[in-house]
Amino acid sequence: MKPAAQSPSQPAVRSGAPAWRRRLPWFGAVALVALIVAGLWPEAAPVELAAVRRGPLVVTVDEEGMTRVKNRYVITAPVAGQLRRIDWKAGAEVVAGQTVLAVIEAGGADFLDVRLQAQAEARVKAAEAAREAALAQRTRAESAAALAAAEDARARGLRAANVISAQEADLARTRRETASAELRAAEFAAQVAGFEVQQAQALLSRGLAGGSGEPLVITAPVSGRILRVIQESSRMVSAGFPLLEVGDPTDLEVRIEALSRDGVVIRPGAPVMLEQWGGPEPLAARVRLVEPSAFTKISALGVEEQRVYVIADFTDPVEKRSTLGDSYRVEARVVTWESASALQAPAGALFRQGAEWRTFVVEGGRAVSRVVKPGRSNGVQTEINEGLREGERLVVYPGDRVRDGVRVRPLVIAGG
């Protein structure tokens, strides 16, 4: 019996689904696994990079300082009596031996008996001896200043011919500046010594005359300006009572308070940059003296610190600092070491691990830990003695995510 013929209008029955549709669940599983792996794959750590470079490096000690007049003279009452009112104001100009600073009405109070007369005569002799010593010191300072100026001139010529080093030329210039400052101080001391002789002789002559009743006139011992009027009103004063301060406000120096451990590395002749003094540009100075005795000071945090005074002389002309006065605050940067071509890296790229200094160097997109040997540092840049090459890129301030071999992604590249 033959099977019934299939109607041509009925569709044929499919034996199975296409191959791609059968593989679709597998494709979905693979895609899901890929998404999971991509989500769990560690992301490259964003880091700030800086390049190792070669260039000038300056190491400084940064501290606050205060200007002060180098040579000041405190005018005191030589005898007891009634002081007339002092009409002078701070800043007034005075001329040595001409400007009357104060008048004291002593009356007969300055009469000298035998004992006081002997003391007055001895005071005159002592003042004359001090004047002779001051004049001899001035002569010695003049000779030293002339010699230092000649040596500096020779050193500049030899430096121009590359016969001596820059350091030797700087030392010669420092000796010349120091000798000039000592000469100015010696001249001031000689003027003051002469004034002391005049005052001692005047007191002796008044006492021998029996106290004539004429008021005692005190003139300026040196030329300059009045720095401070200590006693302005009229009153009774005793012998030795301070009245005024006189000096030259353009002849300034800087007194810098430094930690004693920093004072050890500061040498006379070291350059000093004075900033934040009120002017548009920093002022230049040079260290003249590091005082040998330190003192104890309590910091703002209540910590005891041993500090020492560093004295520096201005090297810029007076015209550049004409508005700078006595006891003005400045911020000083004392140079303790400098190099014109030092291999250096940012201080924030170095960290200590045990007894070693390390840094992360970027190689092939990954951070690689490397041991380095640092040298001097100014807090921003650090000299590199071993372990790095110029042009290598370092991770600055690495966080907890940065480890040896971790992929990194640069955010900022400093220094090339």
Protein backbone atom coordinates (compact mmCIF):
# COMPACT_ATOMS: atom_id res chain seq x y z
CA MET A 1 0.00 0.00 0.00
CA LYS A 2 1.51 3.36 -1.01
CA PRO A 3 1.76 6.21 1.52
CA ALA A 4 -0.46 9.18 0.97
CA ALA A 5 1.18 11.97 -0.98
CA GLN A 6 2.12 15.08 1.06
CA SER A 7 0.30 18.19 0.12
CA PRO A 8 2.53 20.74 -1.56
CA SER A 9 1.00 23.51 0.61
CA GLN A 10 2.35 22.04 3.91
CA PRO A 11 5.93 23.16 4.94
CA ALA A 12 8.65 20.64 5.43
CA VAL A 13 9.62 19.76 9.01
CA ARG A 14 13.15 21.07 9.97
CA SER A 15 15.51 18.53 11.32
CA GLY A 16 17.43 21.03 13.60
CA ALA A 17 18.45 24.77 14.48
CA PRO A 18 21.32 26.55 12.64
CA ALA A 19 24.89 26.14 14.00
CA TRP A 20 25.41 29.81 15.07
CA ARG A 21 22.23 29.73 17.07
CA ARG A 22 23.38 26.59 18.86
CA ARG A 23 26.71 28.36 19.76
CA LEU A 24 25.07 31.56 20.98
CA PRO A 25 25.00 30.51 24.67
CA TRP A 26 28.73 29.79 24.51
CA PHE A 27 29.44 33.21 23.03
CA GLY A 28 27.47 34.82 25.82
CA ALA A 29 29.37 32.86 28.46
CA VAL A 30 32.73 33.86 26.99
CA ALA A 31 31.67 37.51 26.84
CA LEU A 32 30.50 37.37 30.43
CA VAL A 33 33.80 35.87 31.57
CA ALA A 34 35.68 38.56 29.61
CA LEU A 35 33.68 41.30 31.27
CA ILE A 36 34.32 39.82 34.70
CA VAL A 37 38.06 39.53 34.02
CA ALA A 38 38.18 43.10 32.66
CA GLY A 39 36.37 44.37 35.71
CA LEU A 40 38.67 42.56 38.10
CA TRP A 41 41.88 43.37 36.18
CA PRO A 42 44.02 45.83 38.22
CA GLU A 43 43.87 49.35 36.80
CA ALA A 44 47.08 51.28 36.12
CA ALA A 45 47.83 53.55 39.07
CA PRO A 46 47.75 57.28 38.18
CA VAL A 47 51.04 58.86 39.28
CA GLU A 48 52.96 62.12 38.97
CA LEU A 49 56.28 61.74 37.19
CA ALA A 50 59.44 63.84 37.18
CA ALA A 51 62.62 63.46 35.18
CA VAL A 52 66.13 63.15 36.55
CA ARG A 53 68.07 66.15 35.26
CA ARG A 54 71.42 67.83 35.56
CA GLY A 55 71.67 71.50 36.46
CA PRO A 56 72.51 74.04 39.17
CA LEU A 57 71.68 73.07 42.73
CA VAL A 58 71.86 75.38 45.75
CA VAL A 59 71.49 74.23 49.37
CA THR A 60 70.51 76.97 51.81
CA VAL A 61 69.65 77.52 55.46
CA ASP A 62 66.41 79.51 55.58
CA GLU A 63 65.80 81.56 58.72
CA GLU A 64 64.41 84.91 59.80
CA GLY A 65 66.74 87.83 60.39
CA MET A 66 66.71 91.43 61.52
CA THR A 67 68.63 94.44 60.29
CA ARG A 68 70.58 96.60 62.71
CA VAL A 69 72.90 99.56 62.53
CA LYS A 70 76.48 98.36 62.73
CA ASN A 71 77.87 101.20 64.82
CA ARG A 72 75.54 102.98 67.23
CA TYR A 73 76.34 105.30 70.10
CA VAL A 74 74.19 105.80 73.20
CA ILE A 75 74.41 109.38 74.47
CA THR A 76 74.37 109.43 78.27
CA ALA A 77 74.35 112.21 80.82
CA PRO A 78 77.95 112.77 81.94
CA VAL A 79 76.84 114.49 85.18
CA ALA A 80 73.73 114.67 87.33
CA GLY A 81 71.45 117.64 86.80
CA GLN A 82 68.30 119.01 85.25
CA LEU A 83 67.86 117.85 81.66
CA ARG A 84 66.23 120.32 79.32
CA ARG A 85 63.57 119.03 76.97
CA ILE A 86 65.01 117.28 73.91
CA ASP A 87 63.21 118.45 70.77
CA TRP A 88 64.96 116.08 68.39
CA LYS A 89 63.00 113.29 66.72
CA ALA A 90 64.17 109.93 65.43
CA GLY A 91 65.59 110.27 61.92
CA ALA A 92 67.00 113.78 62.34
CA GLU A 93 70.43 114.27 60.79
CA VAL A 94 73.33 115.23 63.07
CA VAL A 95 76.89 116.39 62.43
CA ALA A 96 79.79 115.37 64.66
CA GLY A 97 80.89 118.15 66.99
CA GLN A 98 78.30 120.64 65.73
CA THR A 99 74.78 119.41 66.45
CA VAL A 100 73.67 120.06 70.04
CA LEU A 101 71.82 116.99 71.24
CA ALA A 102 71.08 117.80 74.89
CA VAL A 103 71.66 120.44 77.54
CA ILE A 104 72.02 119.65 81.24
CA GLU A 105 71.89 122.31 83.98
CA ALA A 106 74.24 120.94 86.57
CA GLY A 107 74.73 124.10 88.65
CA GLY A 108 77.40 123.56 91.25
CA ALA A 109 76.75 119.84 91.48
CA ASP A 110 79.79 119.09 89.37
CA PHE A 111 82.30 120.66 91.77
CA LEU A 112 85.19 118.28 92.30
CA ASP A 113 86.93 117.63 95.58
CA VAL A 114 90.39 116.13 95.73
CA ARG A 115 89.18 112.56 95.28
CA LEU A 116 86.77 113.34 92.45
CA GLN A 117 89.39 115.54 90.79
CA ALA A 118 91.84 112.63 90.78
CA GLN A 119 89.15 110.40 89.30
CA ALA A 120 88.38 112.98 86.61
CA GLU A 121 92.06 113.31 85.70
CA ALA A 122 92.37 109.53 85.51
CA ARG A 123 89.26 109.44 83.31
CA VAL A 124 90.85 111.96 80.94
CA LYS A 125 94.04 109.91 80.73
CA ALA A 126 92.05 106.72 80.13
CA ALA A 127 90.03 108.44 77.39
CA GLU A 128 93.22 109.72 75.75
CA ALA A 129 94.74 106.22 75.86
CA ALA A 130 91.56 104.77 74.36
CA ARG A 131 91.72 107.40 71.63
CA GLU A 132 95.32 106.48 70.79
CA ALA A 133 94.37 102.80 70.65
CA ALA A 134 91.41 103.61 68.40
CA LEU A 135 93.62 105.66 66.08
CA ALA A 136 96.15 102.82 65.92
CA GLN A 137 93.34 100.38 65.15
CA ARG A 138 92.11 102.68 62.40
CA THR A 139 95.58 102.85 60.88
CA ARG A 140 95.86 99.07 61.00
CA ALA A 141 92.39 98.73 59.45
CA GLU A 142 93.33 101.14 56.66
CA SER A 143 96.41 99.07 55.82
CA ALA A 144 94.42 95.83 55.90
CA ALA A 145 91.72 97.33 53.67
CA ALA A 146 94.28 98.57 51.15
CA LEU A 147 95.98 95.15 51.05
CA ALA A 148 92.66 93.32 50.68
CA ALA A 149 91.62 95.67 47.85
CA ALA A 150 94.90 95.00 46.02
CA GLU A 151 94.54 91.24 46.47
CA ASP A 152 90.98 91.38 45.20
CA ALA A 153 92.05 93.33 42.11
CA ARG A 154 94.76 90.76 41.38
CA ALA A 155 92.34 87.89 41.96
CA ARG A 156 89.83 89.36 39.50
CA GLY A 157 92.55 89.60 36.85
CA LEU A 158 93.72 86.04 37.49
CA ARG A 159 90.16 84.78 37.41
CA ALA A 160 89.56 86.47 34.07
CA ALA A 161 92.59 84.58 32.75
CA ASN A 162 91.33 81.28 34.32
CA VAL A 163 94.44 81.03 36.47
CA ILE A 164 92.59 80.65 39.78
CA SER A 165 89.24 79.10 40.65
CA ALA A 166 86.02 80.99 41.25
CA GLN A 167 86.16 80.02 44.91
CA GLU A 168 89.56 81.69 45.37
CA ALA A 169 88.26 84.83 43.67
CA ASP A 170 85.22 84.81 45.97
CA LEU A 171 87.45 84.49 49.02
CA ALA A 172 89.50 87.48 47.90
CA ARG A 173 86.34 89.54 47.43
CA THR A 174 85.10 88.45 50.85
CA ARG A 175 88.35 89.53 52.48
CA ARG A 176 88.07 92.93 50.79
CA GLU A 177 84.47 93.42 51.97
CA THR A 178 85.34 92.29 55.49
CA ALA A 179 88.32 94.64 55.63
CA SER A 180 86.14 97.54 54.44
CA ALA A 181 83.60 96.82 57.17
CA GLU A 182 86.34 96.68 59.80
CA LEU A 183 87.71 100.00 58.53
CA ARG A 184 84.31 101.67 58.91
CA ALA A 185 84.02 100.29 62.43
CA ALA A 186 87.53 101.53 63.28
CA GLU A 187 86.74 105.01 61.98
CA PHE A 188 83.56 105.11 64.06
CA ALA A 189 85.47 103.95 67.15
CA ALA A 190 88.09 106.66 66.60
CA GLN A 191 85.39 109.35 66.40
CA VAL A 192 83.73 108.08 69.57
CA ALA A 193 87.07 107.94 71.38
CA GLY A 194 87.74 111.57 70.46
CA PHE A 195 84.31 112.54 71.77
CA GLU A 196 84.99 110.74 75.04
CA VAL A 197 88.22 112.71 75.47
CA GLN A 198 86.38 115.99 74.91
CA GLN A 199 83.69 115.10 77.44
CA ALA A 200 86.23 114.01 80.05
CA GLN A 201 88.27 117.20 79.59
CA ALA A 202 85.12 119.34 79.78
CA LEU A 203 84.05 117.72 83.04
CA LEU A 204 87.52 118.16 84.50
CA SER A 205 87.71 121.84 83.56
CA ARG A 206 84.21 122.53 84.96
CA GLY A 207 85.09 120.83 88.21
CA LEU A 208 88.34 122.75 88.59
CA ALA A 209 86.50 126.03 87.98
CA GLY A 210 84.32 125.27 90.95
CA GLY A 211 81.12 124.82 89.03
CA SER A 212 80.48 128.00 87.08
CA GLY A 213 76.79 127.30 86.76
CA GLU A 214 76.90 127.22 82.97
CA PRO A 215 74.77 124.43 81.46
CA LEU A 216 76.61 121.43 80.03
CA VAL A 217 76.14 121.16 76.27
CA ILE A 218 76.34 117.67 74.71
CA THR A 219 77.11 117.60 70.99
CA ALA A 220 76.89 114.72 68.53
CA PRO A 221 79.91 112.39 68.79
CA VAL A 222 79.53 111.12 65.20
CA SER A 223 77.79 112.16 62.01
CA GLY A 224 74.64 110.29 61.11
CA ARG A 225 71.06 110.29 62.30
CA ILE A 226 69.20 110.02 65.58
CA LEU A 227 68.00 106.45 65.87
CA ARG A 228 65.98 106.78 69.06
CA VAL A 229 65.15 109.42 71.65
CA ILE A 230 65.22 107.60 74.97
CA GLN A 231 64.38 110.57 77.25
CA GLU A 232 62.45 113.40 75.63
CA SER A 233 60.88 115.31 78.54
CA SER A 234 62.69 117.56 80.97
CA ARG A 235 63.61 115.88 84.24
CA MET A 236 66.37 115.33 86.77
CA VAL A 237 68.87 112.78 85.54
CA SER A 238 71.76 111.04 87.19
CA ALA A 239 75.22 110.55 85.72
CA GLY A 240 75.15 107.82 83.10
CA PHE A 241 71.43 108.17 82.34
CA PRO A 242 70.79 107.25 78.63
CA LEU A 243 69.36 110.07 76.52
CA LEU A 244 69.59 109.26 72.79
CA GLU A 245 70.98 106.77 70.29
CA VAL A 246 72.95 108.03 67.30
CA GLY A 247 74.23 106.10 64.29
CA ASP A 248 74.25 105.78 60.50
CA PRO A 249 71.06 103.98 59.36
CA THR A 250 72.51 103.31 55.91
CA ASP A 251 75.39 101.31 57.40
CA LEU A 252 73.39 98.19 58.16
CA GLU A 253 74.09 94.55 58.85
CA VAL A 254 71.78 91.57 59.26
CA ARG A 255 71.58 89.39 62.35
CA ILE A 256 70.18 85.95 61.51
CA GLU A 257 69.04 83.41 64.10
CA ALA A 258 70.09 79.95 62.95
CA LEU A 259 69.95 76.57 64.67
CA SER A 260 73.31 75.64 66.12
CA ARG A 261 73.53 72.54 63.91
CA ASP A 262 73.08 74.79 60.87
CA GLY A 263 75.57 77.31 62.19
CA VAL A 264 78.24 74.61 62.09
CA VAL A 265 78.05 74.38 58.27
CA ILE A 266 77.83 78.14 57.65
CA ARG A 267 81.19 79.64 56.75
CA PRO A 268 82.27 83.31 56.69
CA GLY A 269 81.98 84.61 53.15
CA ALA A 270 78.93 82.49 52.31
CA PRO A 271 76.40 84.29 50.04
CA VAL A 272 73.09 85.34 51.60
CA MET A 273 69.85 86.18 49.79
CA LEU A 274 67.47 88.45 51.73
CA GLU A 275 63.81 88.15 50.75
CA GLN A 276 60.44 89.41 52.01
CA TRP A 277 61.93 92.71 53.15
CA GLY A 278 59.39 94.85 51.33
CA GLY A 279 61.27 95.55 48.12
CA PRO A 280 60.61 94.14 44.65
CA GLU A 281 63.86 92.15 44.42
CA PRO A 282 65.95 90.13 46.90
CA LEU A 283 68.99 91.79 48.43
CA ALA A 284 72.47 90.27 48.40
CA ALA A 285 74.64 89.95 51.49
CA ARG A 286 77.61 87.94 52.66
CA VAL A 287 78.32 86.23 56.00
CA ARG A 288 80.92 88.05 58.05
CA LEU A 289 80.74 86.16 61.33
CA VAL A 290 79.13 83.18 63.01
CA GLU A 291 79.12 83.98 66.72
CA PRO A 292 80.92 81.31 68.76
CA SER A 293 78.35 81.24 71.58
CA ALA A 294 74.82 79.90 71.17
CA PHE A 295 71.73 80.62 73.26
CA THR A 296 68.55 78.78 74.20
CA LYS A 297 65.24 79.86 72.67
CA ILE A 298 61.74 78.46 73.10
CA SER A 299 60.02 77.97 69.74
CA ALA A 300 56.37 78.71 69.02
CA LEU A 301 55.63 75.02 69.63
CA GLY A 302 57.26 75.12 73.06
CA VAL A 303 60.43 73.27 72.01
CA GLU A 304 63.79 74.30 73.40
CA GLU A 305 66.23 75.14 70.61
CA GLN A 306 69.88 76.05 70.63
CA ARG A 307 70.41 78.95 68.27
CA VAL A 308 73.34 81.06 67.18
CA TYR A 309 73.60 84.50 65.59
CA VAL A 310 74.96 84.76 62.05
CA ILE A 311 76.07 88.27 61.08
CA ALA A 312 75.97 89.26 57.39
CA ASP A 313 76.96 92.45 55.56
CA PHE A 314 75.03 93.91 52.63
CA THR A 315 76.80 93.80 49.28
CA ASP A 316 74.16 95.67 47.29
CA PRO A 317 74.48 99.47 47.05
CA VAL A 318 72.59 101.67 49.50
CA GLU A 319 70.39 103.03 46.69
CA LYS A 320 68.82 99.60 46.26
CA ARG A 321 67.75 99.47 49.93
CA SER A 322 67.32 103.16 50.75
CA THR A 323 64.04 102.57 52.61
CA LEU A 324 65.38 99.74 54.77
CA GLY A 325 65.98 100.81 58.35
CA ASP A 326 67.12 99.58 61.73
CA SER A 327 65.45 96.49 63.28
CA TYR A 328 63.55 95.61 60.08
CA ARG A 329 62.54 91.98 59.55
CA VAL A 330 63.90 89.98 56.59
CA GLU A 331 63.92 86.35 55.49
CA ALA A 332 67.45 85.13 54.90
CA ARG A 333 68.66 82.23 52.77
CA VAL A 334 72.28 81.41 53.62
CA VAL A 335 74.03 79.34 50.97
CA THR A 336 75.92 76.39 52.48
CA TRP A 337 76.66 74.46 49.27
CA GLU A 338 76.12 74.93 45.54
CA SER A 339 77.00 73.20 42.30
CA ALA A 340 76.64 74.43 38.73
CA SER A 341 75.97 70.94 37.30
CA ALA A 342 74.58 68.40 39.73
CA LEU A 343 72.58 65.28 38.87
CA GLN A 344 69.36 65.82 40.82
CA ALA A 345 65.92 64.38 41.41
CA PRO A 346 62.85 65.66 43.27
CA ALA A 347 63.12 65.08 47.00
CA GLY A 348 59.55 63.73 47.00
CA ALA A 349 60.57 60.84 44.73
CA LEU A 350 62.93 59.35 47.34
CA PHE A 351 61.84 57.29 50.31
CA ARG A 352 63.64 55.29 52.96
CA GLN A 353 63.22 51.52 53.22
CA GLY A 354 65.22 50.10 56.07
CA ALA A 355 68.75 51.42 55.79
CA GLU A 356 68.44 52.17 52.06
CA TRP A 357 67.11 55.05 50.02
CA ARG A 358 64.88 53.97 47.14
CA THR A 359 62.81 55.40 44.32
CA PHE A 360 60.39 54.08 41.71
CA VAL A 361 61.71 54.32 38.15
CA VAL A 362 59.18 53.95 35.32
CA GLU A 363 60.32 51.24 32.88
CA GLY A 364 57.96 49.90 30.22
CA GLY A 365 54.93 51.46 31.85
CA ARG A 366 55.66 49.83 35.23
CA ALA A 367 57.14 51.15 38.47
CA VAL A 368 60.44 49.48 39.27
CA SER A 369 61.99 49.96 42.73
CA ARG A 370 65.65 50.95 42.66
CA VAL A 371 68.27 51.67 45.33
CA VAL A 372 69.85 55.14 45.09
CA LYS A 373 72.56 57.03 46.95
CA PRO A 374 71.47 60.62 47.57
CA GLY A 375 73.75 63.54 48.38
CA ARG A 376 72.89 67.06 49.51
CA SER A 377 69.32 68.32 49.40
CA ASN A 378 67.57 71.68 49.65
CA GLY A 379 64.19 70.16 50.44
CA VAL A 380 62.96 70.42 46.85
CA GLN A 381 65.74 68.80 44.82
CA THR A 382 68.25 66.19 45.98
CA GLU A 383 71.68 65.44 44.56
CA ILE A 384 72.01 61.87 43.23
CA ASN A 385 75.43 60.25 43.59
CA GLU A 386 74.56 56.71 42.45
CA GLY A 387 71.64 54.70 41.08
CA LEU A 388 70.06 56.98 38.47
CA ARG A 389 70.81 58.33 35.01
CA GLU A 390 69.88 61.64 33.48
CA GLY A 391 66.51 61.55 31.72
CA GLU A 392 64.97 58.67 33.69
CA ARG A 393 61.44 59.23 34.93
CA LEU A 394 60.59 58.83 38.62
CA VAL A 395 57.33 58.52 40.52
CA VAL A 396 56.90 61.56 42.77
CA TYR A 397 55.14 61.03 46.11
CA PRO A 398 54.22 57.35 45.50
CA GLY A 399 51.09 56.24 47.32
CA ASP A 400 50.05 52.87 48.74
CA ARG A 401 48.97 51.63 45.31
CA VAL A 402 52.47 51.99 43.86
CA ARG A 403 54.55 48.86 44.39
CA ASP A 404 57.38 47.18 42.57
CA GLY A 405 56.11 46.04 39.14
CA VAL A 406 52.74 47.83 39.24
CA ARG A 407 51.52 49.39 36.03
CA VAL A 408 51.38 53.18 36.24
CA ARG A 409 49.68 55.88 34.22
CA PRO A 410 51.33 59.33 34.18
CA LEU A 411 49.26 62.33 35.19
CA VAL A 412 51.92 65.05 35.23
CA ILE A 413 55.47 64.93 33.93
CA ALA A 414 57.66 67.59 35.56
CA GLY A 415 61.09 68.66 34.51
CA GLY A 416 60.85 67.19 31.00
